[in-house]
Amino acid sequence: MKITVKCFSQVKYALETDELSLELNPGQTTADVEERVRQRAGKKLDGVLLRIAVNRIYVKEPRDLEDGDEVAFIPPVQGG
């Protein structure tokens, strides 16, 4: 199955792209995708907490993914 990964802020800069297309095996979850994104980023995302949204809805626990899903990795907003 194929999903789209949207990257914002630090994730975008770490991966040097704002969007990825990934092939996954059935039964893979948001946790599996996060692991792949972090591996690809190397140490650039060490210690960075990420919020995950699937099809524009935030998820807190790992969630099974389906073909065509859009997964977004969003670092916490900072500033004052």
PDB file of N, CA and C in Angstrom:
ATOM      1  N   MET A   1       0.842  -1.176   0.000  1.00  0.00           N
ATOM      2  CA  MET A   1       0.000   0.000   0.000  1.00  0.00           C
ATOM      3  C   MET A   1       0.883   1.233   0.000  1.00  0.00           C
ATOM      4  N   LYS A   2       0.321   2.323  -0.444  1.00  0.00           N
ATOM      5  CA  LYS A   2       1.075   3.566  -0.583  1.00  0.00           C
ATOM      6  C   LYS A   2       0.402   4.661   0.243  1.00  0.00           C
ATOM      7  N   ILE A   3       1.234   5.422   0.987  1.00  0.00           N
ATOM      8  CA  ILE A   3       0.724   6.558   1.753  1.00  0.00           C
ATOM      9  C   ILE A   3       1.537   7.797   1.405  1.00  0.00           C
ATOM     10  N   THR A   4       0.984   8.946   1.767  1.00  0.00           N
ATOM     11  CA  THR A   4       1.682  10.218   1.607  1.00  0.00           C
ATOM     12  C   THR A   4       2.044  10.732   2.988  1.00  0.00           C
ATOM     13  N   VAL A   5       3.274  11.188   3.136  1.00  0.00           N
ATOM     14  CA  VAL A   5       3.734  11.770   4.394  1.00  0.00           C
ATOM     15  C   VAL A   5       3.960  13.258   4.163  1.00  0.00           C
ATOM     16  N   LYS A   6       3.279  14.083   4.949  1.00  0.00           N
ATOM     17  CA  LYS A   6       3.445  15.535   4.900  1.00  0.00           C
ATOM     18  C   LYS A   6       4.385  15.947   6.027  1.00  0.00           C
ATOM     19  N   CYS A   7       5.352  16.784   5.698  1.00  0.00           N
ATOM     20  CA  CYS A   7       6.372  17.192   6.659  1.00  0.00           C
ATOM     21  C   CYS A   7       6.310  18.699   6.873  1.00  0.00           C
ATOM     22  N   PHE A   8       6.351  19.104   8.130  1.00  0.00           N
ATOM     23  CA  PHE A   8       6.281  20.513   8.474  1.00  0.00           C
ATOM     24  C   PHE A   8       7.439  20.895   9.388  1.00  0.00           C
ATOM     25  N   SER A   9       7.803  22.166   9.364  1.00  0.00           N
ATOM     26  CA  SER A   9       8.779  22.765  10.270  1.00  0.00           C
ATOM     27  C   SER A   9      10.077  21.964  10.320  1.00  0.00           C
ATOM     28  N   GLN A  10      10.489  21.522  11.517  1.00  0.00           N
ATOM     29  CA  GLN A  10      11.764  20.827  11.681  1.00  0.00           C
ATOM     30  C   GLN A  10      11.835  19.546  10.856  1.00  0.00           C
ATOM     31  N   VAL A  11      10.726  18.865  10.696  1.00  0.00           N
ATOM     32  CA  VAL A  11      10.718  17.621   9.920  1.00  0.00           C
ATOM     33  C   VAL A  11      11.010  17.932   8.458  1.00  0.00           C
ATOM     34  N   LYS A  12      10.399  18.987   7.959  1.00  0.00           N
ATOM     35  CA  LYS A  12      10.629  19.410   6.576  1.00  0.00           C
ATOM     36  C   LYS A  12      12.110  19.716   6.341  1.00  0.00           C
ATOM     37  N   TYR A  13      12.720  20.432   7.262  1.00  0.00           N
ATOM     38  CA  TYR A  13      14.129  20.785   7.107  1.00  0.00           C
ATOM     39  C   TYR A  13      15.040  19.570   7.288  1.00  0.00           C
ATOM     40  N   ALA A  14      14.685  18.687   8.207  1.00  0.00           N
ATOM     41  CA  ALA A  14      15.508  17.495   8.444  1.00  0.00           C
ATOM     42  C   ALA A  14      15.508  16.565   7.236  1.00  0.00           C
ATOM     43  N   LEU A  15      14.358  16.441   6.573  1.00  0.00           N
ATOM     44  CA  LEU A  15      14.239  15.537   5.422  1.00  0.00           C
ATOM     45  C   LEU A  15      14.481  16.243   4.093  1.00  0.00           C
ATOM     46  N   GLU A  16      14.562  17.569   4.151  1.00  0.00           N
ATOM     47  CA  GLU A  16      14.772  18.390   2.956  1.00  0.00           C
ATOM     48  C   GLU A  16      13.672  18.200   1.919  1.00  0.00           C
ATOM     49  N   THR A  17      12.450  18.002   2.402  1.00  0.00           N
ATOM     50  CA  THR A  17      11.277  17.903   1.536  1.00  0.00           C
ATOM     51  C   THR A  17      10.035  18.141   2.383  1.00  0.00           C
ATOM     52  N   ASP A  18       8.961  18.542   1.741  1.00  0.00           N
ATOM     53  CA  ASP A  18       7.715  18.732   2.482  1.00  0.00           C
ATOM     54  C   ASP A  18       6.740  17.576   2.276  1.00  0.00           C
ATOM     55  N   GLU A  19       7.120  16.606   1.433  1.00  0.00           N
ATOM     56  CA  GLU A  19       6.215  15.482   1.176  1.00  0.00           C
ATOM     57  C   GLU A  19       7.002  14.253   0.729  1.00  0.00           C
ATOM     58  N   LEU A  20       6.598  13.104   1.257  1.00  0.00           N
ATOM     59  CA  LEU A  20       7.180  11.819   0.870  1.00  0.00           C
ATOM     60  C   LEU A  20       6.064  10.876   0.454  1.00  0.00           C
ATOM     61  N   SER A  21       6.384   9.950  -0.392  1.00  0.00           N
ATOM     62  CA  SER A  21       5.477   8.866  -0.740  1.00  0.00           C
ATOM     63  C   SER A  21       6.146   7.584  -0.270  1.00  0.00           C
ATOM     64  N   LEU A  22       5.458   6.824   0.589  1.00  0.00           N
ATOM     65  CA  LEU A  22       6.040   5.603   1.140  1.00  0.00           C
ATOM     66  C   LEU A  22       5.196   4.388   0.795  1.00  0.00           C
ATOM     67  N   GLU A  23       5.874   3.291   0.525  1.00  0.00           N
ATOM     68  CA  GLU A  23       5.222   1.995   0.346  1.00  0.00           C
ATOM     69  C   GLU A  23       5.260   1.278   1.692  1.00  0.00           C
ATOM     70  N   LEU A  24       4.115   0.792   2.144  1.00  0.00           N
ATOM     71  CA  LEU A  24       4.023   0.078   3.411  1.00  0.00           C
ATOM     72  C   LEU A  24       3.417  -1.298   3.194  1.00  0.00           C
ATOM     73  N   ASN A  25       3.693  -2.174   4.138  1.00  0.00           N
ATOM     74  CA  ASN A  25       3.043  -3.478   4.145  1.00  0.00           C
ATOM     75  C   ASN A  25       1.725  -3.363   4.901  1.00  0.00           C
ATOM     76  N   PRO A  26       0.736  -4.170   4.559  1.00  0.00           N
ATOM     77  CA  PRO A  26      -0.520  -4.156   5.313  1.00  0.00           C
ATOM     78  C   PRO A  26      -0.242  -4.390   6.801  1.00  0.00           C
ATOM     79  N   GLY A  27      -0.969  -3.673   7.646  1.00  0.00           N
ATOM     80  CA  GLY A  27      -0.812  -3.818   9.084  1.00  0.00           C
ATOM     81  C   GLY A  27       0.204  -2.879   9.700  1.00  0.00           C
ATOM     82  N   GLN A  28       0.904  -2.113   8.876  1.00  0.00           N
ATOM     83  CA  GLN A  28       1.852  -1.164   9.453  1.00  0.00           C
ATOM     84  C   GLN A  28       1.097   0.033  10.018  1.00  0.00           C
ATOM     85  N   THR A  29       1.724   0.665  11.004  1.00  0.00           N
ATOM     86  CA  THR A  29       1.059   1.719  11.765  1.00  0.00           C
ATOM     87  C   THR A  29       1.799   3.048  11.666  1.00  0.00           C
ATOM     88  N   THR A  30       1.197   4.052  12.300  1.00  0.00           N
ATOM     89  CA  THR A  30       1.846   5.361  12.368  1.00  0.00           C
ATOM     90  C   THR A  30       3.195   5.261  13.077  1.00  0.00           C
ATOM     91  N   ALA A  31       3.325   4.354  14.032  1.00  0.00           N
ATOM     92  CA  ALA A  31       4.608   4.174  14.723  1.00  0.00           C
ATOM     93  C   ALA A  31       5.682   3.685  13.753  1.00  0.00           C
ATOM     94  N   ASP A  32       5.312   2.799  12.842  1.00  0.00           N
ATOM     95  CA  ASP A  32       6.265   2.310  11.839  1.00  0.00           C
ATOM     96  C   ASP A  32       6.713   3.447  10.921  1.00  0.00           C
ATOM     97  N   VAL A  33       5.774   4.298  10.548  1.00  0.00           N
ATOM     98  CA  VAL A  33       6.109   5.422   9.666  1.00  0.00           C
ATOM     99  C   VAL A  33       6.993   6.421  10.409  1.00  0.00           C
ATOM    100  N   GLU A  34       6.672   6.689  11.669  1.00  0.00           N
ATOM    101  CA  GLU A  34       7.515   7.604  12.443  1.00  0.00           C
ATOM    102  C   GLU A  34       8.943   7.068  12.538  1.00  0.00           C
ATOM    103  N   GLU A  35       9.095   5.778  12.756  1.00  0.00           N
ATOM    104  CA  GLU A  35      10.437   5.183  12.828  1.00  0.00           C
ATOM    105  C   GLU A  35      11.192   5.380  11.514  1.00  0.00           C
ATOM    106  N   ARG A  36      10.522   5.176  10.392  1.00  0.00           N
ATOM    107  CA  ARG A  36      11.169   5.365   9.086  1.00  0.00           C
ATOM    108  C   ARG A  36      11.566   6.820   8.869  1.00  0.00           C
ATOM    109  N   VAL A  37      10.691   7.744   9.261  1.00  0.00           N
ATOM    110  CA  VAL A  37      10.992   9.173   9.110  1.00  0.00           C
ATOM    111  C   VAL A  37      12.197   9.546   9.974  1.00  0.00           C
ATOM    112  N   ARG A  38      12.217   9.078  11.214  1.00  0.00           N
ATOM    113  CA  ARG A  38      13.334   9.392  12.104  1.00  0.00           C
ATOM    114  C   ARG A  38      14.641   8.777  11.603  1.00  0.00           C
ATOM    115  N   GLN A  39      14.583   7.564  11.067  1.00  0.00           N
ATOM    116  CA  GLN A  39      15.791   6.945  10.507  1.00  0.00           C
ATOM    117  C   GLN A  39      16.314   7.762   9.334  1.00  0.00           C
ATOM    118  N   ARG A  40      15.406   8.193   8.499  1.00  0.00           N
ATOM    119  CA  ARG A  40      15.799   8.968   7.318  1.00  0.00           C
ATOM    120  C   ARG A  40      16.408  10.315   7.714  1.00  0.00           C
ATOM    121  N   ALA A  41      15.915  10.901   8.807  1.00  0.00           N
ATOM    122  CA  ALA A  41      16.398  12.207   9.265  1.00  0.00           C
ATOM    123  C   ALA A  41      17.721  12.108  10.012  1.00  0.00           C
ATOM    124  N   GLY A  42      18.102  10.912  10.402  1.00  0.00           N
ATOM    125  CA  GLY A  42      19.320  10.768  11.193  1.00  0.00           C
ATOM    126  C   GLY A  42      19.143  11.403  12.558  1.00  0.00           C
ATOM    127  N   LYS A  43      20.151  12.101  13.030  1.00  0.00           N
ATOM    128  CA  LYS A  43      20.101  12.712  14.363  1.00  0.00           C
ATOM    129  C   LYS A  43      19.364  14.046  14.381  1.00  0.00           C
ATOM    130  N   LYS A  44      18.941  14.519  13.232  1.00  0.00           N
ATOM    131  CA  LYS A  44      18.321  15.846  13.154  1.00  0.00           C
ATOM    132  C   LYS A  44      17.016  15.950  13.935  1.00  0.00           C
ATOM    133  N   LEU A  45      16.346  14.819  14.175  1.00  0.00           N
ATOM    134  CA  LEU A  45      15.085  14.858  14.915  1.00  0.00           C
ATOM    135  C   LEU A  45      15.203  14.251  16.309  1.00  0.00           C
ATOM    136  N   ASP A  46      16.435  13.956  16.746  1.00  0.00           N
ATOM    137  CA  ASP A  46      16.622  13.424  18.096  1.00  0.00           C
ATOM    138  C   ASP A  46      16.055  14.403  19.115  1.00  0.00           C
ATOM    139  N   GLY A  47      15.234  13.910  20.009  1.00  0.00           N
ATOM    140  CA  GLY A  47      14.661  14.735  21.058  1.00  0.00           C
ATOM    141  C   GLY A  47      13.486  15.597  20.633  1.00  0.00           C
ATOM    142  N   VAL A  48      13.108  15.547  19.362  1.00  0.00           N
ATOM    143  CA  VAL A  48      11.988  16.353  18.874  1.00  0.00           C
ATOM    144  C   VAL A  48      10.694  15.556  19.029  1.00  0.00           C
ATOM    145  N   LEU A  49       9.758  16.108  19.790  1.00  0.00           N
ATOM    146  CA  LEU A  49       8.450  15.480  19.931  1.00  0.00           C
ATOM    147  C   LEU A  49       7.624  15.797  18.693  1.00  0.00           C
ATOM    148  N   LEU A  50       6.929  14.803  18.187  1.00  0.00           N
ATOM    149  CA  LEU A  50       6.132  15.007  16.980  1.00  0.00           C
ATOM    150  C   LEU A  50       4.672  14.690  17.241  1.00  0.00           C
ATOM    151  N   ARG A  51       3.809  15.563  16.766  1.00  0.00           N
ATOM    152  CA  ARG A  51       2.374  15.264  16.732  1.00  0.00           C
ATOM    153  C   ARG A  51       2.107  14.596  15.392  1.00  0.00           C
ATOM    154  N   ILE A  52       1.217  13.624  15.394  1.00  0.00           N
ATOM    155  CA  ILE A  52       0.911  12.885  14.174  1.00  0.00           C
ATOM    156  C   ILE A  52      -0.567  13.046  13.863  1.00  0.00           C
ATOM    157  N   ALA A  53      -0.846  13.363  12.608  1.00  0.00           N
ATOM    158  CA  ALA A  53      -2.229  13.443  12.133  1.00  0.00           C
ATOM    159  C   ALA A  53      -2.382  12.463  10.971  1.00  0.00           C
ATOM    160  N   VAL A  54      -3.504  11.770  10.958  1.00  0.00           N
ATOM    161  CA  VAL A  54      -3.832  10.876   9.848  1.00  0.00           C
ATOM    162  C   VAL A  54      -5.092  11.423   9.198  1.00  0.00           C
ATOM    163  N   ASN A  55      -4.969  11.740   7.931  1.00  0.00           N
ATOM    164  CA  ASN A  55      -6.087  12.326   7.189  1.00  0.00           C
ATOM    165  C   ASN A  55      -6.653  13.545   7.912  1.00  0.00           C
ATOM    166  N   ARG A  56      -5.714  14.371   8.419  1.00  0.00           N
ATOM    167  CA  ARG A  56      -5.998  15.657   9.070  1.00  0.00           C
ATOM    168  C   ARG A  56      -6.660  15.538  10.442  1.00  0.00           C
ATOM    169  N   ILE A  57      -6.565  14.368  11.052  1.00  0.00           N
ATOM    170  CA  ILE A  57      -7.095  14.170  12.400  1.00  0.00           C
ATOM    171  C   ILE A  57      -5.939  13.708  13.285  1.00  0.00           C
ATOM    172  N   TYR A  58      -5.686  14.453  14.377  1.00  0.00           N
ATOM    173  CA  TYR A  58      -4.599  14.080  15.274  1.00  0.00           C
ATOM    174  C   TYR A  58      -4.871  12.724  15.916  1.00  0.00           C
ATOM    175  N   VAL A  59      -3.810  11.920  16.041  1.00  0.00           N
ATOM    176  CA  VAL A  59      -3.903  10.625  16.715  1.00  0.00           C
ATOM    177  C   VAL A  59      -2.864  10.601  17.826  1.00  0.00           C
ATOM    178  N   LYS A  60      -3.206   9.948  18.941  1.00  0.00           N
ATOM    179  CA  LYS A  60      -2.284   9.867  20.072  1.00  0.00           C
ATOM    180  C   LYS A  60      -1.604   8.507  20.148  1.00  0.00           C
ATOM    181  N   GLU A  61      -2.295   7.475  19.789  1.00  0.00           N
ATOM    182  CA  GLU A  61      -1.767   6.115  19.845  1.00  0.00           C
ATOM    183  C   GLU A  61      -1.453   5.642  18.433  1.00  0.00           C
ATOM    184  N   PRO A  62      -0.539   4.678  18.295  1.00  0.00           N
ATOM    185  CA  PRO A  62      -0.283   4.126  16.958  1.00  0.00           C
ATOM    186  C   PRO A  62      -1.584   3.642  16.323  1.00  0.00           C
ATOM    187  N   ARG A  63      -1.734   3.938  15.064  1.00  0.00           N
ATOM    188  CA  ARG A  63      -2.966   3.602  14.348  1.00  0.00           C
ATOM    189  C   ARG A  63      -2.606   2.848  13.076  1.00  0.00           C
ATOM    190  N   ASP A  64      -3.383   1.815  12.765  1.00  0.00           N
ATOM    191  CA  ASP A  64      -3.197   1.098  11.505  1.00  0.00           C
ATOM    192  C   ASP A  64      -3.464   2.049  10.347  1.00  0.00           C
ATOM    193  N   LEU A  65      -2.699   1.883   9.291  1.00  0.00           N
ATOM    194  CA  LEU A  65      -2.847   2.745   8.121  1.00  0.00           C
ATOM    195  C   LEU A  65      -3.448   1.972   6.961  1.00  0.00           C
ATOM    196  N   GLU A  66      -4.065   2.711   6.060  1.00  0.00           N
ATOM    197  CA  GLU A  66      -4.687   2.129   4.877  1.00  0.00           C
ATOM    198  C   GLU A  66      -4.116   2.783   3.632  1.00  0.00           C
ATOM    199  N   ASP A  67      -4.255   2.096   2.517  1.00  0.00           N
ATOM    200  CA  ASP A  67      -3.790   2.625   1.243  1.00  0.00           C
ATOM    201  C   ASP A  67      -4.394   4.004   0.999  1.00  0.00           C
ATOM    202  N   GLY A  68      -3.552   4.945   0.627  1.00  0.00           N
ATOM    203  CA  GLY A  68      -4.012   6.293   0.310  1.00  0.00           C
ATOM    204  C   GLY A  68      -4.056   7.253   1.480  1.00  0.00           C
ATOM    205  N   ASP A  69      -3.771   6.779   2.693  1.00  0.00           N
ATOM    206  CA  ASP A  69      -3.789   7.671   3.852  1.00  0.00           C
ATOM    207  C   ASP A  69      -2.734   8.766   3.715  1.00  0.00           C
ATOM    208  N   GLU A  70      -3.018   9.890   4.371  1.00  0.00           N
ATOM    209  CA  GLU A  70      -2.069  10.996   4.467  1.00  0.00           C
ATOM    210  C   GLU A  70      -1.659  11.117   5.927  1.00  0.00           C
ATOM    211  N   VAL A  71      -0.365  11.007   6.179  1.00  0.00           N
ATOM    212  CA  VAL A  71       0.168  11.100   7.534  1.00  0.00           C
ATOM    213  C   VAL A  71       1.004  12.370   7.618  1.00  0.00           C
ATOM    214  N   ALA A  72       0.699  13.209   8.607  1.00  0.00           N
ATOM    215  CA  ALA A  72       1.440  14.460   8.783  1.00  0.00           C
ATOM    216  C   ALA A  72       2.212  14.411  10.094  1.00  0.00           C
ATOM    217  N   PHE A  73       3.464  14.858  10.048  1.00  0.00           N
ATOM    218  CA  PHE A  73       4.303  14.970  11.234  1.00  0.00           C
ATOM    219  C   PHE A  73       4.485  16.442  11.534  1.00  0.00           C
ATOM    220  N   ILE A  74       4.002  16.844  12.724  1.00  0.00           N
ATOM    221  CA  ILE A  74       3.958  18.256  13.072  1.00  0.00           C
ATOM    222  C   ILE A  74       4.652  18.464  14.419  1.00  0.00           C
ATOM    223  N   PRO A  75       5.806  19.137  14.425  1.00  0.00           N
ATOM    224  CA  PRO A  75       6.463  19.443  15.696  1.00  0.00           C
ATOM    225  C   PRO A  75       5.617  20.450  16.483  1.00  0.00           C
ATOM    226  N   PRO A  76       5.773  20.467  17.814  1.00  0.00           N
ATOM    227  CA  PRO A  76       5.032  21.447  18.607  1.00  0.00           C
ATOM    228  C   PRO A  76       5.373  22.872  18.172  1.00  0.00           C
ATOM    229  N   VAL A  77       4.395  23.739  18.255  1.00  0.00           N
ATOM    230  CA  VAL A  77       4.595  25.144  17.907  1.00  0.00           C
ATOM    231  C   VAL A  77       5.310  25.817  19.069  1.00  0.00           C
ATOM    232  N   GLN A  78       6.303  26.639  18.746  1.00  0.00           N
ATOM    233  CA  GLN A  78       7.059  27.348  19.770  1.00  0.00           C
ATOM    234  C   GLN A  78       6.957  28.842  19.529  1.00  0.00           C
ATOM    235  N   GLY A  79       7.264  29.562  20.538  1.00  0.00           N
ATOM    236  CA  GLY A  79       7.273  31.011  20.389  1.00  0.00           C
ATOM    237  C   GLY A  79       6.469  31.673  21.481  1.00  0.00           C
ATOM    238  N   GLY A  80       6.323  32.958  21.357  1.00  0.00           N
ATOM    239  CA  GLY A  80       5.612  33.657  22.417  1.00  0.00           C
ATOM    240  C   GLY A  80       4.919  34.859  21.898  1.00  0.00           C
TER     241      GLY A  80
END
